[in-house]
Amino acid sequence: MLKWSVILLLVALIAGVFGFFNILVGAAVTVAKVLFFLFLALFVISLFTGRRGRSM
């Protein structure tokens, strides 16, 4: 899990640099939108299929 958070941090930093210096602005925005909706969908799926506590 820590590995994924570090990878996403690096992706966010790279996208921030691209946006700050106006490098590939259109591409960075498109990638950010795709990643946002992808992780939003994965989050919603994980809410329904996540691990549940022990039932008594």
N, C-alpha and C. Protein backbone atom coordinates (compact mmCIF):
# COMPACT_ATOMS: atom_id res chain seq x y z
N MET A 1 0.82 -1.19 0.00
CA MET A 1 0.00 0.00 0.00
C MET A 1 0.87 1.26 0.00
N LEU A 2 1.95 1.22 0.76
CA LEU A 2 2.85 2.36 0.80
C LEU A 2 3.49 2.59 -0.57
N LYS A 3 3.77 1.50 -1.26
CA LYS A 3 4.36 1.60 -2.60
C LYS A 3 3.44 2.38 -3.54
N TRP A 4 2.14 2.09 -3.50
CA TRP A 4 1.18 2.79 -4.35
C TRP A 4 1.07 4.26 -4.01
N SER A 5 1.12 4.58 -2.72
CA SER A 5 1.02 5.98 -2.33
C SER A 5 2.24 6.77 -2.80
N VAL A 6 3.42 6.15 -2.78
CA VAL A 6 4.62 6.82 -3.27
C VAL A 6 4.55 7.01 -4.78
N ILE A 7 4.07 6.00 -5.49
CA ILE A 7 3.93 6.12 -6.95
C ILE A 7 2.96 7.23 -7.30
N LEU A 8 1.81 7.28 -6.62
CA LEU A 8 0.83 8.32 -6.91
C LEU A 8 1.34 9.70 -6.52
N LEU A 9 2.15 9.78 -5.48
CA LEU A 9 2.75 11.06 -5.11
C LEU A 9 3.68 11.55 -6.21
N LEU A 10 4.48 10.66 -6.76
CA LEU A 10 5.37 11.04 -7.85
C LEU A 10 4.60 11.47 -9.10
N VAL A 11 3.52 10.76 -9.41
CA VAL A 11 2.70 11.14 -10.55
C VAL A 11 2.08 12.52 -10.33
N ALA A 12 1.61 12.77 -9.12
CA ALA A 12 1.02 14.07 -8.80
C ALA A 12 2.05 15.19 -8.89
N LEU A 13 3.26 14.94 -8.41
CA LEU A 13 4.31 15.95 -8.48
C LEU A 13 4.70 16.25 -9.93
N ILE A 14 4.79 15.22 -10.75
CA ILE A 14 5.12 15.43 -12.16
C ILE A 14 4.01 16.21 -12.85
N ALA A 15 2.75 15.86 -12.57
CA ALA A 15 1.64 16.59 -13.17
C ALA A 15 1.62 18.04 -12.68
N GLY A 16 1.98 18.26 -11.43
CA GLY A 16 2.05 19.62 -10.90
C GLY A 16 3.12 20.45 -11.59
N VAL A 17 4.28 19.85 -11.85
CA VAL A 17 5.36 20.55 -12.55
C VAL A 17 4.92 20.89 -13.97
N PHE A 18 4.27 19.93 -14.64
CA PHE A 18 3.78 20.20 -15.99
C PHE A 18 2.79 21.35 -15.99
N GLY A 19 1.88 21.37 -15.02
CA GLY A 19 0.90 22.44 -14.96
C GLY A 19 1.51 23.77 -14.58
N PHE A 20 2.49 23.77 -13.71
CA PHE A 20 3.10 25.02 -13.24
C PHE A 20 3.89 25.70 -14.36
N PHE A 21 4.58 24.92 -15.16
CA PHE A 21 5.40 25.48 -16.22
C PHE A 21 4.72 25.43 -17.59
N ASN A 22 3.43 25.11 -17.62
CA ASN A 22 2.65 25.04 -18.86
C ASN A 22 3.27 24.11 -19.90
N ILE A 23 3.81 22.99 -19.43
CA ILE A 23 4.38 21.98 -20.32
C ILE A 23 3.31 20.94 -20.58
N LEU A 24 2.98 20.73 -21.82
CA LEU A 24 1.99 19.71 -22.19
C LEU A 24 0.70 19.87 -21.39
N VAL A 25 0.19 21.09 -21.35
CA VAL A 25 -0.96 21.38 -20.50
C VAL A 25 -2.16 20.52 -20.89
N GLY A 26 -2.45 20.43 -22.17
CA GLY A 26 -3.60 19.64 -22.60
C GLY A 26 -3.46 18.17 -22.24
N ALA A 27 -2.28 17.62 -22.42
CA ALA A 27 -2.05 16.21 -22.10
C ALA A 27 -2.12 15.97 -20.60
N ALA A 28 -1.57 16.89 -19.81
CA ALA A 28 -1.58 16.72 -18.36
C ALA A 28 -3.01 16.78 -17.81
N VAL A 29 -3.81 17.66 -18.36
CA VAL A 29 -5.20 17.77 -17.91
C VAL A 29 -5.96 16.50 -18.27
N THR A 30 -5.74 15.99 -19.45
CA THR A 30 -6.42 14.78 -19.88
C THR A 30 -6.02 13.59 -19.01
N VAL A 31 -4.75 13.46 -18.74
CA VAL A 31 -4.27 12.37 -17.88
C VAL A 31 -4.84 12.51 -16.47
N ALA A 32 -4.89 13.72 -15.96
CA ALA A 32 -5.43 13.96 -14.61
C ALA A 32 -6.91 13.59 -14.54
N LYS A 33 -7.67 13.93 -15.56
CA LYS A 33 -9.09 13.59 -15.59
C LYS A 33 -9.29 12.08 -15.64
N VAL A 34 -8.52 11.41 -16.48
CA VAL A 34 -8.65 9.96 -16.60
C VAL A 34 -8.30 9.28 -15.29
N LEU A 35 -7.19 9.71 -14.67
CA LEU A 35 -6.79 9.11 -13.39
C LEU A 35 -7.80 9.39 -12.30
N PHE A 36 -8.37 10.59 -12.28
CA PHE A 36 -9.37 10.93 -11.27
C PHE A 36 -10.57 10.00 -11.35
N PHE A 37 -11.12 9.83 -12.56
CA PHE A 37 -12.29 8.98 -12.69
C PHE A 37 -11.96 7.51 -12.48
N LEU A 38 -10.77 7.09 -12.86
CA LEU A 38 -10.35 5.72 -12.63
C LEU A 38 -10.29 5.41 -11.14
N PHE A 39 -9.63 6.28 -10.38
CA PHE A 39 -9.51 6.03 -8.95
C PHE A 39 -10.82 6.24 -8.22
N LEU A 40 -11.68 7.12 -8.72
CA LEU A 40 -13.00 7.27 -8.14
C LEU A 40 -13.81 5.99 -8.31
N ALA A 41 -13.75 5.40 -9.50
CA ALA A 41 -14.45 4.15 -9.75
C ALA A 41 -13.88 3.02 -8.89
N LEU A 42 -12.57 2.95 -8.77
CA LEU A 42 -11.95 1.92 -7.92
C LEU A 42 -12.33 2.11 -6.45
N PHE A 43 -12.45 3.35 -6.01
CA PHE A 43 -12.85 3.62 -4.64
C PHE A 43 -14.27 3.14 -4.37
N VAL A 44 -15.18 3.44 -5.29
CA VAL A 44 -16.57 3.02 -5.12
C VAL A 44 -16.67 1.50 -5.14
N ILE A 45 -15.92 0.86 -6.03
CA ILE A 45 -15.93 -0.60 -6.08
C ILE A 45 -15.39 -1.18 -4.78
N SER A 46 -14.34 -0.57 -4.25
CA SER A 46 -13.75 -1.10 -3.01
C SER A 46 -14.68 -0.90 -1.81
N LEU A 47 -15.55 0.10 -1.87
CA LEU A 47 -16.53 0.27 -0.79
C LEU A 47 -17.47 -0.91 -0.71
N PHE A 48 -17.87 -1.43 -1.85
CA PHE A 48 -18.83 -2.53 -1.87
C PHE A 48 -18.18 -3.90 -1.73
N THR A 49 -16.95 -4.04 -2.15
CA THR A 49 -16.31 -5.36 -2.12
C THR A 49 -15.18 -5.44 -1.12
N GLY A 50 -15.03 -4.43 -0.29
CA GLY A 50 -13.94 -4.40 0.68
C GLY A 50 -14.09 -5.46 1.74
N ARG A 51 -13.07 -5.62 2.52
CA ARG A 51 -13.11 -6.60 3.59
C ARG A 51 -14.08 -6.15 4.67
N ARG A 52 -14.79 -7.09 5.18
CA ARG A 52 -15.75 -6.80 6.23
C ARG A 52 -15.26 -7.43 7.53
N GLY A 53 -15.73 -6.89 8.63
CA GLY A 53 -15.37 -7.45 9.93
C GLY A 53 -15.99 -8.80 10.13
N ARG A 54 -15.59 -9.48 11.18
CA ARG A 54 -16.14 -10.79 11.48
C ARG A 54 -17.57 -10.65 11.94
N SER A 55 -18.45 -11.48 11.39
CA SER A 55 -19.85 -11.44 11.83
C SER A 55 -20.04 -12.40 13.00
N MET A 56 -20.89 -12.03 13.89
CA MET A 56 -21.10 -12.85 15.08
C MET A 56 -22.33 -13.67 14.94
